[in-house]
Amino acid sequence: MIIFNDPKRIPEDYGIRIGIGVTAFFLLMKFTGFFHIVELRMLNIFILVAGIYLALRKFKETHGKHINYFRALVVGVVTGAIGSILFAVFLFIYVHIDSDFMLWLQTNEPMGRFLNPYIVSFIVALEGLFSGLLVTFVLINYLQTDEPTETT
């Protein structure tokens, strides 16, 4: 695909990679029988951190070793949002295919009786969006960014 080489499409490139990584981790947990351990979902943050960090680093490399603070914020948040939305779409399709998993969620999760595929997918997308925002905020304060008033 051409987007994997286009420096203007870095959020899409790394967002797709995040989505694939989180989906693969979900399927690994499902097929190994560990999906019922909710705490393992916290490991998704490592996939998100790696994807956003690599996207910010690639953006900086392709733009003359400079990255504006606000542009970094946009790149990171969009990267995380794309990955989260892709996973939410996968999950929406998956709970329609595996109705036992949806039933398990409804019986074992707090507020489960209110869950349906739309709510589950929306919550996952929203959780990923806010996680991406937090991860981006932490990473851009770790990376060397230009001052907000500097222009390149």
Protein backbone atom coordinates (compact mmCIF):
# COMPACT_ATOMS: atom_id res chain seq x y z
CA MET A 1 0.00 0.00 0.00
CA ILE A 2 1.19 3.47 -0.79
CA ILE A 3 0.28 4.99 2.60
CA PHE A 4 3.07 3.05 4.31
CA ASN A 5 5.66 5.14 2.44
CA ASP A 6 3.94 8.53 2.42
CA PRO A 7 5.29 10.97 5.06
CA LYS A 8 1.96 12.81 4.97
CA ARG A 9 0.08 9.65 6.01
CA ILE A 10 2.06 8.71 9.11
CA PRO A 11 -0.98 8.67 11.46
CA GLU A 12 -2.85 6.32 9.13
CA ASP A 13 0.18 4.07 8.74
CA TYR A 14 0.86 3.68 12.46
CA GLY A 15 -2.83 3.75 13.39
CA ILE A 16 -3.38 0.71 11.18
CA ARG A 17 -0.41 -0.98 12.83
CA ILE A 18 -1.85 -0.24 16.30
CA GLY A 19 -5.22 -1.64 15.21
CA ILE A 20 -3.58 -4.81 13.90
CA GLY A 21 -1.49 -5.17 17.06
CA VAL A 22 -4.41 -4.77 19.46
CA THR A 23 -6.57 -7.10 17.37
CA ALA A 24 -3.83 -9.73 17.29
CA PHE A 25 -3.40 -9.44 21.07
CA PHE A 26 -7.17 -9.82 21.56
CA LEU A 27 -7.27 -12.93 19.38
CA LEU A 28 -4.23 -14.36 21.16
CA MET A 29 -5.94 -13.91 24.53
CA LYS A 30 -9.18 -15.37 23.17
CA PHE A 31 -7.59 -18.48 21.67
CA THR A 32 -5.32 -19.13 24.66
CA GLY A 33 -8.28 -18.89 27.03
CA PHE A 34 -7.12 -15.80 28.92
CA PHE A 35 -9.79 -13.42 27.59
CA HIS A 36 -11.69 -13.62 30.89
CA ILE A 37 -8.77 -11.96 32.72
CA VAL A 38 -9.82 -8.35 32.25
CA GLU A 39 -6.58 -6.99 33.67
CA LEU A 40 -4.69 -8.26 30.61
CA ARG A 41 -6.41 -5.49 28.63
CA MET A 42 -3.97 -3.14 30.32
CA LEU A 43 -1.21 -4.61 28.14
CA ASN A 44 -2.85 -2.89 25.16
CA ILE A 45 -1.26 0.32 26.44
CA PHE A 46 2.18 -0.98 25.44
CA ILE A 47 0.98 -1.49 21.87
CA LEU A 48 -0.54 2.00 21.88
CA VAL A 49 2.59 3.61 23.35
CA ALA A 50 4.85 1.86 20.84
CA GLY A 51 2.68 2.84 17.88
CA ILE A 52 2.32 6.48 18.86
CA TYR A 53 6.00 6.79 19.77
CA LEU A 54 7.09 5.33 16.43
CA ALA A 55 4.65 7.60 14.58
CA LEU A 56 6.01 10.70 16.33
CA ARG A 57 9.60 9.61 15.73
CA LYS A 58 8.89 8.94 12.03
CA PHE A 59 7.16 12.31 11.70
CA LYS A 60 10.15 14.03 13.24
CA GLU A 61 12.58 12.17 10.95
CA THR A 62 10.64 13.03 7.79
CA HIS A 63 10.21 16.71 8.69
CA GLY A 64 13.79 17.86 9.14
CA LYS A 65 14.23 16.69 12.75
CA HIS A 66 11.64 19.24 13.87
CA ILE A 67 8.22 18.64 15.30
CA ASN A 68 5.98 21.36 16.58
CA TYR A 69 4.33 20.64 19.93
CA PHE A 70 0.78 21.05 18.60
CA ARG A 71 1.48 19.13 15.39
CA ALA A 72 2.91 16.31 17.53
CA LEU A 73 -0.27 16.37 19.59
CA VAL A 74 -2.39 16.03 16.45
CA VAL A 75 -0.24 13.26 14.97
CA GLY A 76 -0.30 11.24 18.19
CA VAL A 77 -4.01 11.62 18.89
CA VAL A 78 -5.02 10.83 15.31
CA THR A 79 -2.72 7.80 15.28
CA GLY A 80 -4.27 6.48 18.50
CA ALA A 81 -7.80 7.27 17.29
CA ILE A 82 -7.33 5.38 14.04
CA GLY A 83 -5.98 2.33 15.86
CA SER A 84 -8.81 2.43 18.40
CA ILE A 85 -11.53 2.87 15.81
CA LEU A 86 -10.18 -0.01 13.74
CA PHE A 87 -10.18 -2.25 16.80
CA ALA A 88 -13.71 -1.10 17.73
CA VAL A 89 -14.92 -2.00 14.22
CA PHE A 90 -13.26 -5.41 14.53
CA LEU A 91 -14.85 -5.93 17.94
CA PHE A 92 -18.28 -4.91 16.61
CA ILE A 93 -18.02 -7.56 13.89
CA TYR A 94 -16.54 -10.12 16.29
CA VAL A 95 -19.35 -9.89 18.88
CA HIS A 96 -21.86 -10.44 16.08
CA ILE A 97 -20.01 -13.57 14.97
CA ASP A 98 -19.22 -14.91 18.46
CA SER A 99 -22.51 -14.44 20.29
CA ASP A 100 -21.16 -16.47 23.24
CA PHE A 101 -18.56 -13.77 23.84
CA MET A 102 -21.24 -11.08 23.85
CA LEU A 103 -23.29 -13.16 26.28
CA TRP A 104 -20.21 -13.59 28.48
CA LEU A 105 -19.71 -9.81 28.52
CA GLN A 106 -23.33 -9.25 29.44
CA THR A 107 -23.23 -11.70 32.33
CA ASN A 108 -19.76 -11.00 33.74
CA GLU A 109 -19.10 -7.31 33.28
CA PRO A 110 -20.42 -4.61 35.58
CA MET A 111 -23.39 -2.96 33.91
CA GLY A 112 -23.36 -5.93 31.50
CA ARG A 113 -27.11 -6.06 31.18
CA PHE A 114 -26.94 -2.71 29.39
CA LEU A 115 -24.31 -3.84 26.89
CA ASN A 116 -24.93 -4.53 23.24
CA PRO A 117 -22.49 -4.62 20.30
CA TYR A 118 -22.91 -0.90 19.62
CA ILE A 119 -22.21 0.13 23.21
CA VAL A 120 -19.26 -2.26 23.53
CA SER A 121 -17.67 -0.90 20.35
CA PHE A 122 -18.33 2.71 21.30
CA ILE A 123 -16.80 2.24 24.75
CA VAL A 124 -13.71 0.60 23.26
CA ALA A 125 -13.29 3.41 20.71
CA LEU A 126 -13.78 6.10 23.35
CA GLU A 127 -11.41 4.40 25.78
CA GLY A 128 -8.79 4.13 23.05
CA LEU A 129 -9.23 7.76 22.03
CA PHE A 130 -8.65 9.03 25.54
CA SER A 131 -5.78 6.59 26.12
CA GLY A 132 -4.19 7.87 22.91
CA LEU A 133 -4.59 11.45 24.10
CA LEU A 134 -2.94 10.68 27.43
CA VAL A 135 -0.12 8.66 25.85
CA THR A 136 0.52 11.41 23.30
CA PHE A 137 0.63 14.08 25.97
CA VAL A 138 3.19 12.10 27.96
CA LEU A 139 5.30 11.24 24.90
CA ILE A 140 5.47 14.75 23.46
CA ASN A 141 6.74 15.97 26.80
CA TYR A 142 9.39 13.24 26.62
CA LEU A 143 10.39 13.93 22.99
CA GLN A 144 12.24 17.05 21.98
CA THR A 145 9.57 19.25 20.37
CA ASP A 146 9.86 22.80 19.12
CA GLU A 147 8.34 25.52 21.22
CA PRO A 148 4.68 26.24 20.38
CA THR A 149 5.58 29.68 19.01
CA GLU A 150 8.40 28.44 16.73
CA THR A 151 7.59 27.81 13.09
CA THR A 152 9.52 25.56 10.77
